[in-house]
Amino acid sequence: MWHNQTNYWISNLRSLIIKGGCKFEHLLSPSVARSMVQLQRFDIADCMCLREMIFTEEIKVEEERKDVICFPQLNSLRIGNLPNLIFFCSGNYTIEFPLLKELEIEGCPRLKAFISQTSNQSGMQALFNEKVVVPSLETMTIFQLSNVKMIFQNDLPSDSFQNLRKLSVSGCESLKILFPASIVKHLLQLEDLSIIKCGVEEIVSEGEGVEEQPMRFEFPKVSSLVVEDLKELKCPYKGQHTILWPMLKTLRTNCSALLMIMALEDVRLMQERKGNGEAAMLIEE
């Protein structure tokens, strides 16, 4: 759609909303994307032919050396009902959203990854890898991404998703794991977690290497947890572990495996916490 246009109006654009009627397969060239320095809101939906947001063909040699694309003012990104979208960007770029607070991706059944990448050792691409930089993200909604098997890549930078407060994932039948073990320690601000109608087999995946000691995971601020219709869920974590939810106030689930494991964990925690004044969680089916 927009190739190497660097018009004045593009650099001053604050809101971009595209809904339906679009027959193009690609939206922005890297140079045009870089010129959107004032863009604060970006909504795109119902574009049946769109395959990628930022395309890479016919890039100048000098532009290839600029491997970072930054949207410095963007705070809201909504992507919805794009049935042929495969990538946000297929080039070897790092995409930075330093002020992005809200991200919604819905109804993109062919989406493989935000940025094209080489599959990891397990053969699975992650929706987000180290080339997607979102240090300020607070709310993320993932809905009906039937081609996504992993959301987070292993060993993301420490500032990745460090401010995430609300995560909602639903209708992702190919999704096998929610969190790699390495990212849990970054989610210190997470308060609201919802996982519904996904193919998730475990909440936290096993880390690399041999684990001699039981793993300990803590979600220190999660107060609301919804886990429903996860027919493939076998366990929160395969290895020996403890998962702590010290601030949990609301649990809604119909997953018997999760109920049983959390109930047993609650009994153990009540025994550990006797005398220190901490409240233990009571689960009722």
C-alpha atoms as a PDB file:
ATOM      1  CA  MET A   1       0.000   0.000   0.000  1.00  0.00           C
ATOM      2  CA  TRP A   2       2.518   2.574   1.175  1.00  0.00           C
ATOM      3  CA  HIS A   3       6.005   2.048  -0.167  1.00  0.00           C
ATOM      4  CA  ASN A   4       8.675   4.717   0.204  1.00  0.00           C
ATOM      5  CA  GLN A   5       6.376   7.652   0.786  1.00  0.00           C
ATOM      6  CA  THR A   6       7.759   9.913   3.476  1.00  0.00           C
ATOM      7  CA  ASN A   7       5.224  12.696   3.106  1.00  0.00           C
ATOM      8  CA  TYR A   8       4.811  15.278   5.819  1.00  0.00           C
ATOM      9  CA  TRP A   9       1.336  13.990   6.708  1.00  0.00           C
ATOM     10  CA  ILE A  10       2.680  10.504   7.464  1.00  0.00           C
ATOM     11  CA  SER A  11       5.221  11.792   9.974  1.00  0.00           C
ATOM     12  CA  ASN A  12       2.451  13.727  11.746  1.00  0.00           C
ATOM     13  CA  LEU A  13      -0.119  10.916  11.731  1.00  0.00           C
ATOM     14  CA  ARG A  14      -1.361  10.178  15.255  1.00  0.00           C
ATOM     15  CA  SER A  15      -4.141   7.659  14.569  1.00  0.00           C
ATOM     16  CA  LEU A  16      -4.407   5.056  11.811  1.00  0.00           C
ATOM     17  CA  ILE A  17      -7.619   3.022  11.563  1.00  0.00           C
ATOM     18  CA  ILE A  18      -8.160   0.650   8.639  1.00  0.00           C
ATOM     19  CA  LYS A  19     -11.333  -1.429   8.464  1.00  0.00           C
ATOM     20  CA  GLY A  20     -12.341  -3.589   5.531  1.00  0.00           C
ATOM     21  CA  GLY A  21     -12.346  -3.007   1.802  1.00  0.00           C
ATOM     22  CA  CYS A  22      -8.572  -3.438   1.452  1.00  0.00           C
ATOM     23  CA  LYS A  23      -7.297  -5.677  -1.323  1.00  0.00           C
ATOM     24  CA  PHE A  24      -3.561  -5.222  -0.739  1.00  0.00           C
ATOM     25  CA  GLU A  25      -1.282  -7.957   0.644  1.00  0.00           C
ATOM     26  CA  HIS A  26       1.303  -5.632   2.252  1.00  0.00           C
ATOM     27  CA  LEU A  27       0.792  -2.411   4.174  1.00  0.00           C
ATOM     28  CA  LEU A  28       3.998  -0.508   4.964  1.00  0.00           C
ATOM     29  CA  SER A  29       7.574  -0.391   3.759  1.00  0.00           C
ATOM     30  CA  PRO A  30      10.226  -0.145   6.498  1.00  0.00           C
ATOM     31  CA  SER A  31      10.966   3.484   5.587  1.00  0.00           C
ATOM     32  CA  VAL A  32       7.310   4.490   5.858  1.00  0.00           C
ATOM     33  CA  ALA A  33       6.953   2.626   9.162  1.00  0.00           C
ATOM     34  CA  ARG A  34       9.977   4.487  10.542  1.00  0.00           C
ATOM     35  CA  SER A  35       8.466   7.819   9.514  1.00  0.00           C
ATOM     36  CA  MET A  36       5.373   7.280  11.711  1.00  0.00           C
ATOM     37  CA  VAL A  37       7.063   8.870  14.699  1.00  0.00           C
ATOM     38  CA  GLN A  38       3.863  10.462  16.077  1.00  0.00           C
ATOM     39  CA  LEU A  39       1.534   7.469  15.653  1.00  0.00           C
ATOM     40  CA  GLN A  40      -0.280   6.693  18.916  1.00  0.00           C
ATOM     41  CA  ARG A  41      -3.121   4.404  17.826  1.00  0.00           C
ATOM     42  CA  PHE A  42      -3.098   1.740  15.125  1.00  0.00           C
ATOM     43  CA  ASP A  43      -6.216  -0.366  14.427  1.00  0.00           C
ATOM     44  CA  ILE A  44      -6.554  -2.678  11.454  1.00  0.00           C
ATOM     45  CA  ALA A  45      -9.378  -5.172  10.872  1.00  0.00           C
ATOM     46  CA  ASP A  46     -11.318  -7.073   8.216  1.00  0.00           C
ATOM     47  CA  CYS A  47      -8.659  -6.910   5.490  1.00  0.00           C
ATOM     48  CA  MET A  48      -9.085 -10.260   3.798  1.00  0.00           C
ATOM     49  CA  CYS A  49      -5.949 -10.209   1.611  1.00  0.00           C
ATOM     50  CA  LEU A  50      -3.354  -8.741   3.958  1.00  0.00           C
ATOM     51  CA  ARG A  51      -0.370 -11.069   4.533  1.00  0.00           C
ATOM     52  CA  GLU A  52       2.062  -8.820   6.416  1.00  0.00           C
ATOM     53  CA  MET A  53       2.108  -5.307   7.857  1.00  0.00           C
ATOM     54  CA  ILE A  54       5.705  -4.382   7.033  1.00  0.00           C
ATOM     55  CA  PHE A  55       7.052  -5.848   3.814  1.00  0.00           C
ATOM     56  CA  THR A  56      10.679  -6.225   2.778  1.00  0.00           C
ATOM     57  CA  GLU A  57      10.875  -6.610  -0.993  1.00  0.00           C
ATOM     58  CA  GLU A  58      12.701  -3.998  -3.069  1.00  0.00           C
ATOM     59  CA  ILE A  59      14.563  -2.579  -0.068  1.00  0.00           C
ATOM     60  CA  LYS A  60      17.508  -0.317  -0.819  1.00  0.00           C
ATOM     61  CA  VAL A  61      20.977  -1.492   0.200  1.00  0.00           C
ATOM     62  CA  GLU A  62      21.459   1.336   2.675  1.00  0.00           C
ATOM     63  CA  GLU A  63      18.104   0.566   4.263  1.00  0.00           C
ATOM     64  CA  GLU A  64      19.037  -3.069   4.876  1.00  0.00           C
ATOM     65  CA  ARG A  65      21.615  -1.910   7.383  1.00  0.00           C
ATOM     66  CA  LYS A  66      18.923  -0.257   9.488  1.00  0.00           C
ATOM     67  CA  ASP A  67      17.722  -3.313  11.325  1.00  0.00           C
ATOM     68  CA  VAL A  68      15.487  -1.514  13.857  1.00  0.00           C
ATOM     69  CA  ILE A  69      11.980  -0.186  13.237  1.00  0.00           C
ATOM     70  CA  CYS A  70      10.595   1.877  16.095  1.00  0.00           C
ATOM     71  CA  PHE A  71       7.084   3.207  16.744  1.00  0.00           C
ATOM     72  CA  PRO A  72       8.151   5.629  19.513  1.00  0.00           C
ATOM     73  CA  GLN A  73       4.705   7.002  20.468  1.00  0.00           C
ATOM     74  CA  LEU A  74       2.386   4.058  19.764  1.00  0.00           C
ATOM     75  CA  ASN A  75       0.350   3.090  22.853  1.00  0.00           C
ATOM     76  CA  SER A  76      -2.470   1.002  21.334  1.00  0.00           C
ATOM     77  CA  LEU A  77      -2.249  -1.683  18.635  1.00  0.00           C
ATOM     78  CA  ARG A  78      -5.316  -3.686  17.603  1.00  0.00           C
ATOM     79  CA  ILE A  79      -5.203  -6.345  14.897  1.00  0.00           C
ATOM     80  CA  GLY A  80      -8.449  -8.187  14.129  1.00  0.00           C
ATOM     81  CA  ASN A  81      -9.988 -10.550  11.577  1.00  0.00           C
ATOM     82  CA  LEU A  82      -7.112 -10.745   9.130  1.00  0.00           C
ATOM     83  CA  PRO A  83      -7.545 -14.322   7.860  1.00  0.00           C
ATOM     84  CA  ASN A  84      -4.421 -14.319   5.662  1.00  0.00           C
ATOM     85  CA  LEU A  85      -2.001 -12.472   7.929  1.00  0.00           C
ATOM     86  CA  ILE A  86       1.159 -14.551   8.424  1.00  0.00           C
ATOM     87  CA  PHE A  87       3.579 -12.061  10.004  1.00  0.00           C
ATOM     88  CA  PHE A  88       3.568  -8.503  11.259  1.00  0.00           C
ATOM     89  CA  CYS A  89       6.986  -8.253   9.606  1.00  0.00           C
ATOM     90  CA  SER A  90       8.855 -10.914   7.623  1.00  0.00           C
ATOM     91  CA  GLY A  91      12.225  -9.159   7.474  1.00  0.00           C
ATOM     92  CA  ASN A  92      15.193  -9.461   9.792  1.00  0.00           C
ATOM     93  CA  TYR A  93      14.196  -6.460  11.888  1.00  0.00           C
ATOM     94  CA  THR A  94      13.805  -5.642  15.535  1.00  0.00           C
ATOM     95  CA  ILE A  95      10.454  -3.924  16.102  1.00  0.00           C
ATOM     96  CA  GLU A  96      10.371  -1.576  19.083  1.00  0.00           C
ATOM     97  CA  PHE A  97       7.227  -0.291  20.802  1.00  0.00           C
ATOM     98  CA  PRO A  98       8.670   1.592  23.805  1.00  0.00           C
ATOM     99  CA  LEU A  99       5.325   3.097  24.945  1.00  0.00           C
ATOM    100  CA  LEU A 100       2.861   0.407  23.821  1.00  0.00           C
ATOM    101  CA  LYS A 101       0.411  -0.364  26.633  1.00  0.00           C
ATOM    102  CA  GLU A 102      -2.410  -2.247  24.903  1.00  0.00           C
ATOM    103  CA  LEU A 103      -2.089  -5.045  22.344  1.00  0.00           C
ATOM    104  CA  GLU A 104      -4.970  -7.035  20.859  1.00  0.00           C
ATOM    105  CA  ILE A 105      -4.545  -9.725  18.207  1.00  0.00           C
ATOM    106  CA  GLU A 106      -7.754 -11.506  17.250  1.00  0.00           C
ATOM    107  CA  GLY A 107      -9.041 -13.675  14.436  1.00  0.00           C
ATOM    108  CA  CYS A 108      -5.771 -14.287  12.563  1.00  0.00           C
ATOM    109  CA  PRO A 109      -5.833 -18.060  11.938  1.00  0.00           C
ATOM    110  CA  ARG A 110      -2.713 -18.121   9.717  1.00  0.00           C
ATOM    111  CA  LEU A 111      -0.518 -15.939  11.920  1.00  0.00           C
ATOM    112  CA  LYS A 112       2.682 -17.801  12.783  1.00  0.00           C
ATOM    113  CA  ALA A 113       4.777 -15.177  14.541  1.00  0.00           C
ATOM    114  CA  PHE A 114       4.891 -11.431  15.029  1.00  0.00           C
ATOM    115  CA  ILE A 115       8.247 -11.421  13.226  1.00  0.00           C
ATOM    116  CA  SER A 116       9.417 -14.264  10.987  1.00  0.00           C
ATOM    117  CA  GLN A 117      12.053 -16.373  12.665  1.00  0.00           C
ATOM    118  CA  THR A 118      13.843 -19.699  12.632  1.00  0.00           C
ATOM    119  CA  SER A 119      12.047 -22.374  14.609  1.00  0.00           C
ATOM    120  CA  ASN A 120      13.607 -23.309  17.937  1.00  0.00           C
ATOM    121  CA  GLN A 121      14.953 -26.750  18.801  1.00  0.00           C
ATOM    122  CA  SER A 122      11.458 -28.061  19.454  1.00  0.00           C
ATOM    123  CA  GLY A 123      10.452 -27.039  15.930  1.00  0.00           C
ATOM    124  CA  MET A 124       7.991 -24.408  17.151  1.00  0.00           C
ATOM    125  CA  GLN A 125       7.962 -20.713  16.383  1.00  0.00           C
ATOM    126  CA  ALA A 126       6.916 -18.367  19.152  1.00  0.00           C
ATOM    127  CA  LEU A 127       4.523 -15.492  18.568  1.00  0.00           C
ATOM    128  CA  PHE A 128       6.977 -13.166  20.328  1.00  0.00           C
ATOM    129  CA  ASN A 129      10.753 -13.454  20.252  1.00  0.00           C
ATOM    130  CA  GLU A 130      13.612 -11.175  21.292  1.00  0.00           C
ATOM    131  CA  LYS A 131      13.060  -8.983  18.212  1.00  0.00           C
ATOM    132  CA  VAL A 132       9.743  -7.671  19.555  1.00  0.00           C
ATOM    133  CA  VAL A 133      10.422  -5.040  22.219  1.00  0.00           C
ATOM    134  CA  VAL A 134       7.435  -4.068  24.402  1.00  0.00           C
ATOM    135  CA  PRO A 135       8.784  -2.924  27.799  1.00  0.00           C
ATOM    136  CA  SER A 136       5.667  -0.885  28.709  1.00  0.00           C
ATOM    137  CA  LEU A 137       2.950  -3.352  27.663  1.00  0.00           C
ATOM    138  CA  GLU A 138       0.197  -3.663  30.294  1.00  0.00           C
ATOM    139  CA  THR A 139      -2.702  -5.452  28.576  1.00  0.00           C
ATOM    140  CA  MET A 140      -2.502  -8.213  25.982  1.00  0.00           C
ATOM    141  CA  THR A 141      -5.421 -10.069  24.393  1.00  0.00           C
ATOM    142  CA  ILE A 142      -4.835 -13.091  22.143  1.00  0.00           C
ATOM    143  CA  PHE A 143      -7.966 -14.595  20.545  1.00  0.00           C
ATOM    144  CA  GLN A 144      -8.447 -17.199  17.823  1.00  0.00           C
ATOM    145  CA  LEU A 145      -4.874 -17.572  16.629  1.00  0.00           C
ATOM    146  CA  SER A 146      -5.246 -21.189  15.598  1.00  0.00           C
ATOM    147  CA  ASN A 147      -1.733 -21.506  14.122  1.00  0.00           C
ATOM    148  CA  VAL A 148       0.207 -20.342  17.188  1.00  0.00           C
ATOM    149  CA  LYS A 149       1.877 -23.045  19.311  1.00  0.00           C
ATOM    150  CA  MET A 150       3.940 -20.815  21.605  1.00  0.00           C
ATOM    151  CA  ILE A 151       3.342 -17.227  22.703  1.00  0.00           C
ATOM    152  CA  PHE A 152       6.660 -16.466  24.373  1.00  0.00           C
ATOM    153  CA  GLN A 153      10.089 -17.580  23.233  1.00  0.00           C
ATOM    154  CA  ASN A 154      12.533 -18.958  25.784  1.00  0.00           C
ATOM    155  CA  ASP A 155      15.123 -16.579  27.237  1.00  0.00           C
ATOM    156  CA  LEU A 156      13.521 -13.268  26.355  1.00  0.00           C
ATOM    157  CA  PRO A 157      15.314 -10.111  27.590  1.00  0.00           C
ATOM    158  CA  SER A 158      14.616  -9.255  31.225  1.00  0.00           C
ATOM    159  CA  ASP A 159      12.579  -6.153  30.337  1.00  0.00           C
ATOM    160  CA  SER A 160      10.241  -8.091  28.042  1.00  0.00           C
ATOM    161  CA  PHE A 161       6.659  -7.983  29.350  1.00  0.00           C
ATOM    162  CA  GLN A 162       7.936  -6.676  32.687  1.00  0.00           C
ATOM    163  CA  ASN A 163       4.889  -4.387  33.068  1.00  0.00           C
ATOM    164  CA  LEU A 164       2.241  -6.817  31.821  1.00  0.00           C
ATOM    165  CA  ARG A 165      -0.793  -6.617  34.110  1.00  0.00           C
ATOM    166  CA  LYS A 166      -3.519  -8.418  32.181  1.00  0.00           C
ATOM    167  CA  LEU A 167      -3.164 -11.404  29.847  1.00  0.00           C
ATOM    168  CA  SER A 168      -6.132 -13.034  28.134  1.00  0.00           C
ATOM    169  CA  VAL A 169      -5.636 -15.999  25.793  1.00  0.00           C
ATOM    170  CA  SER A 170      -8.578 -17.848  24.235  1.00  0.00           C
ATOM    171  CA  GLY A 171      -9.539 -19.891  21.204  1.00  0.00           C
ATOM    172  CA  CYS A 172      -5.966 -20.963  20.380  1.00  0.00           C
ATOM    173  CA  GLU A 173      -6.341 -24.689  19.824  1.00  0.00           C
ATOM    174  CA  SER A 174      -2.738 -25.286  18.688  1.00  0.00           C
ATOM    175  CA  LEU A 175      -1.207 -23.562  21.714  1.00  0.00           C
ATOM    176  CA  LYS A 176       0.714 -26.165  23.749  1.00  0.00           C
ATOM    177  CA  ILE A 177       2.311 -24.136  26.536  1.00  0.00           C
ATOM    178  CA  LEU A 178       1.527 -20.744  28.007  1.00  0.00           C
ATOM    179  CA  PHE A 179       4.801 -19.691  29.630  1.00  0.00           C
ATOM    180  CA  PRO A 180       8.361 -20.940  29.254  1.00  0.00           C
ATOM    181  CA  ALA A 181       9.917 -21.316  32.683  1.00  0.00           C
ATOM    182  CA  SER A 182      12.394 -18.530  31.939  1.00  0.00           C
ATOM    183  CA  ILE A 183       9.754 -15.805  31.518  1.00  0.00           C
ATOM    184  CA  VAL A 184       7.757 -16.370  34.709  1.00  0.00           C
ATOM    185  CA  LYS A 185      10.283 -14.416  36.759  1.00  0.00           C
ATOM    186  CA  HIS A 186       9.641 -11.355  34.564  1.00  0.00           C
ATOM    187  CA  LEU A 187       5.868 -11.279  35.196  1.00  0.00           C
ATOM    188  CA  LEU A 188       6.032  -9.518  38.542  1.00  0.00           C
ATOM    189  CA  GLN A 189       3.209  -7.078  37.697  1.00  0.00           C
ATOM    190  CA  LEU A 190       0.718  -9.605  36.292  1.00  0.00           C
ATOM    191  CA  GLU A 191      -2.658  -9.278  38.063  1.00  0.00           C
ATOM    192  CA  ASP A 192      -5.256 -10.847  35.769  1.00  0.00           C
ATOM    193  CA  LEU A 193      -4.652 -14.107  33.876  1.00  0.00           C
ATOM    194  CA  SER A 194      -7.246 -15.831  31.682  1.00  0.00           C
ATOM    195  CA  ILE A 195      -6.793 -18.965  29.544  1.00  0.00           C
ATOM    196  CA  ILE A 196      -9.907 -20.327  27.817  1.00  0.00           C
ATOM    197  CA  LYS A 197     -10.527 -22.932  25.089  1.00  0.00           C
ATOM    198  CA  CYS A 198      -6.911 -23.590  24.144  1.00  0.00           C
ATOM    199  CA  GLY A 199      -4.882 -26.734  23.458  1.00  0.00           C
ATOM    200  CA  VAL A 200      -2.595 -25.989  26.403  1.00  0.00           C
ATOM    201  CA  GLU A 201      -1.006 -29.097  27.954  1.00  0.00           C
ATOM    202  CA  GLU A 202       0.961 -27.283  30.652  1.00  0.00           C
ATOM    203  CA  ILE A 203       0.909 -23.754  32.047  1.00  0.00           C
ATOM    204  CA  VAL A 204       4.692 -23.516  32.479  1.00  0.00           C
ATOM    205  CA  SER A 205       7.062 -25.495  30.271  1.00  0.00           C
ATOM    206  CA  GLU A 206      10.140 -27.291  31.515  1.00  0.00           C
ATOM    207  CA  GLY A 207      13.395 -25.365  31.389  1.00  0.00           C
ATOM    208  CA  GLU A 208      16.451 -26.555  29.541  1.00  0.00           C
ATOM    209  CA  GLY A 209      18.858 -28.974  31.204  1.00  0.00           C
ATOM    210  CA  VAL A 210      18.445 -31.359  34.111  1.00  0.00           C
ATOM    211  CA  GLU A 211      16.643 -29.971  37.146  1.00  0.00           C
ATOM    212  CA  GLU A 212      17.972 -31.496  40.338  1.00  0.00           C
ATOM    213  CA  GLN A 213      15.854 -29.363  42.665  1.00  0.00           C
ATOM    214  CA  PRO A 214      12.093 -28.750  42.541  1.00  0.00           C
ATOM    215  CA  MET A 215      11.274 -25.592  40.590  1.00  0.00           C
ATOM    216  CA  ARG A 216       9.575 -22.694  42.348  1.00  0.00           C
ATOM    217  CA  PHE A 217       7.374 -20.290  40.399  1.00  0.00           C
ATOM    218  CA  GLU A 218       5.585 -17.310  41.871  1.00  0.00           C
ATOM    219  CA  PHE A 219       2.966 -14.962  40.448  1.00  0.00           C
ATOM    220  CA  PRO A 220       3.156 -12.358  43.232  1.00  0.00           C
ATOM    221  CA  LYS A 221       0.344 -10.038  42.105  1.00  0.00           C
ATOM    222  CA  VAL A 222      -2.148 -12.293  40.309  1.00  0.00           C
ATOM    223  CA  SER A 223      -5.519 -11.767  41.988  1.00  0.00           C
ATOM    224  CA  SER A 224      -7.783 -13.221  39.277  1.00  0.00           C
ATOM    225  CA  LEU A 225      -7.180 -16.537  37.490  1.00  0.00           C
ATOM    226  CA  VAL A 226      -9.538 -18.034  34.889  1.00  0.00           C
ATOM    227  CA  VAL A 227      -8.647 -21.450  33.437  1.00  0.00           C
ATOM    228  CA  GLU A 228     -11.520 -23.002  31.482  1.00  0.00           C
ATOM    229  CA  ASP A 229     -12.081 -25.571  28.736  1.00  0.00           C
ATOM    230  CA  LEU A 230      -8.475 -26.725  28.501  1.00  0.00           C
ATOM    231  CA  LYS A 231      -9.199 -30.300  27.484  1.00  0.00           C
ATOM    232  CA  GLU A 232      -5.530 -31.154  26.930  1.00  0.00           C
ATOM    233  CA  LEU A 233      -4.255 -29.744  30.230  1.00  0.00           C
ATOM    234  CA  LYS A 234      -2.255 -32.406  32.053  1.00  0.00           C
ATOM    235  CA  CYS A 235      -0.416 -30.422  34.699  1.00  0.00           C
ATOM    236  CA  PRO A 236       0.731 -26.879  35.464  1.00  0.00           C
ATOM    237  CA  TYR A 237       4.369 -28.059  35.111  1.00  0.00           C
ATOM    238  CA  LYS A 238       5.806 -31.490  34.309  1.00  0.00           C
ATOM    239  CA  GLY A 239       8.644 -31.577  36.804  1.00  0.00           C
ATOM    240  CA  GLN A 240       8.688 -31.247  40.581  1.00  0.00           C
ATOM    241  CA  HIS A 241       7.564 -27.753  41.396  1.00  0.00           C
ATOM    242  CA  THR A 242       5.787 -25.259  43.573  1.00  0.00           C
ATOM    243  CA  ILE A 243       3.586 -22.551  42.049  1.00  0.00           C
ATOM    244  CA  LEU A 244       2.669 -19.723  44.403  1.00  0.00           C
ATOM    245  CA  TRP A 245      -0.259 -17.311  44.007  1.00  0.00           C
ATOM    246  CA  PRO A 246      -0.008 -15.258  47.231  1.00  0.00           C
ATOM    247  CA  MET A 247      -2.538 -12.573  46.164  1.00  0.00           C
ATOM    248  CA  LEU A 248      -5.072 -14.824  44.410  1.00  0.00           C
ATOM    249  CA  LYS A 249      -8.648 -13.890  45.319  1.00  0.00           C
ATOM    250  CA  THR A 250     -10.699 -15.244  42.416  1.00  0.00           C
ATOM    251  CA  LEU A 251     -10.252 -18.618  40.732  1.00  0.00           C
ATOM    252  CA  ARG A 252     -12.646 -19.780  38.012  1.00  0.00           C
ATOM    253  CA  THR A 253     -11.954 -23.142  36.434  1.00  0.00           C
ATOM    254  CA  ASN A 254     -13.575 -26.332  35.183  1.00  0.00           C
ATOM    255  CA  CYS A 255     -10.259 -28.168  34.753  1.00  0.00           C
ATOM    256  CA  SER A 256     -10.248 -31.015  37.262  1.00  0.00           C
ATOM    257  CA  ALA A 257      -6.479 -31.571  36.955  1.00  0.00           C
ATOM    258  CA  LEU A 258      -5.787 -27.974  37.930  1.00  0.00           C
ATOM    259  CA  LEU A 259      -8.273 -28.086  40.803  1.00  0.00           C
ATOM    260  CA  MET A 260      -6.753 -31.231  42.244  1.00  0.00           C
ATOM    261  CA  ILE A 261      -3.171 -29.998  41.990  1.00  0.00           C
ATOM    262  CA  MET A 262      -3.935 -26.547  43.396  1.00  0.00           C
ATOM    263  CA  ALA A 263      -5.967 -28.031  46.226  1.00  0.00           C
ATOM    264  CA  LEU A 264      -3.075 -30.305  47.210  1.00  0.00           C
ATOM    265  CA  GLU A 265      -0.714 -27.356  46.951  1.00  0.00           C
ATOM    266  CA  ASP A 266      -3.016 -25.329  49.191  1.00  0.00           C
ATOM    267  CA  VAL A 267      -2.934 -27.995  51.895  1.00  0.00           C
ATOM    268  CA  ARG A 268       0.852 -28.085  51.772  1.00  0.00           C
ATOM    269  CA  LEU A 269       1.087 -24.291  51.906  1.00  0.00           C
ATOM    270  CA  MET A 270      -1.267 -24.105  54.882  1.00  0.00           C
ATOM    271  CA  GLN A 271       1.055 -26.442  56.734  1.00  0.00           C
ATOM    272  CA  GLU A 272       4.068 -24.290  55.812  1.00  0.00           C
ATOM    273  CA  ARG A 273       2.380 -21.014  56.714  1.00  0.00           C
ATOM    274  CA  LYS A 274       1.168 -21.884  60.183  1.00  0.00           C
ATOM    275  CA  GLY A 275       2.154 -19.184  62.559  1.00  0.00           C
ATOM    276  CA  ASN A 276       3.320 -16.581  60.026  1.00  0.00           C
ATOM    277  CA  GLY A 277      -0.062 -14.929  59.442  1.00  0.00           C
ATOM    278  CA  GLU A 278      -0.255 -15.537  55.684  1.00  0.00           C
ATOM    279  CA  ALA A 279      -3.628 -16.424  54.222  1.00  0.00           C
ATOM    280  CA  ALA A 280      -4.016 -19.693  52.362  1.00  0.00           C
ATOM    281  CA  MET A 281      -6.346 -20.195  49.410  1.00  0.00           C
ATOM    282  CA  LEU A 282      -9.420 -22.390  49.703  1.00  0.00           C
ATOM    283  CA  ILE A 283     -10.647 -23.995  46.486  1.00  0.00           C
ATOM    284  CA  GLU A 284     -14.188 -25.224  46.123  1.00  0.00           C
ATOM    285  CA  GLU A 285     -15.287 -27.137  43.051  1.00  0.00           C
END
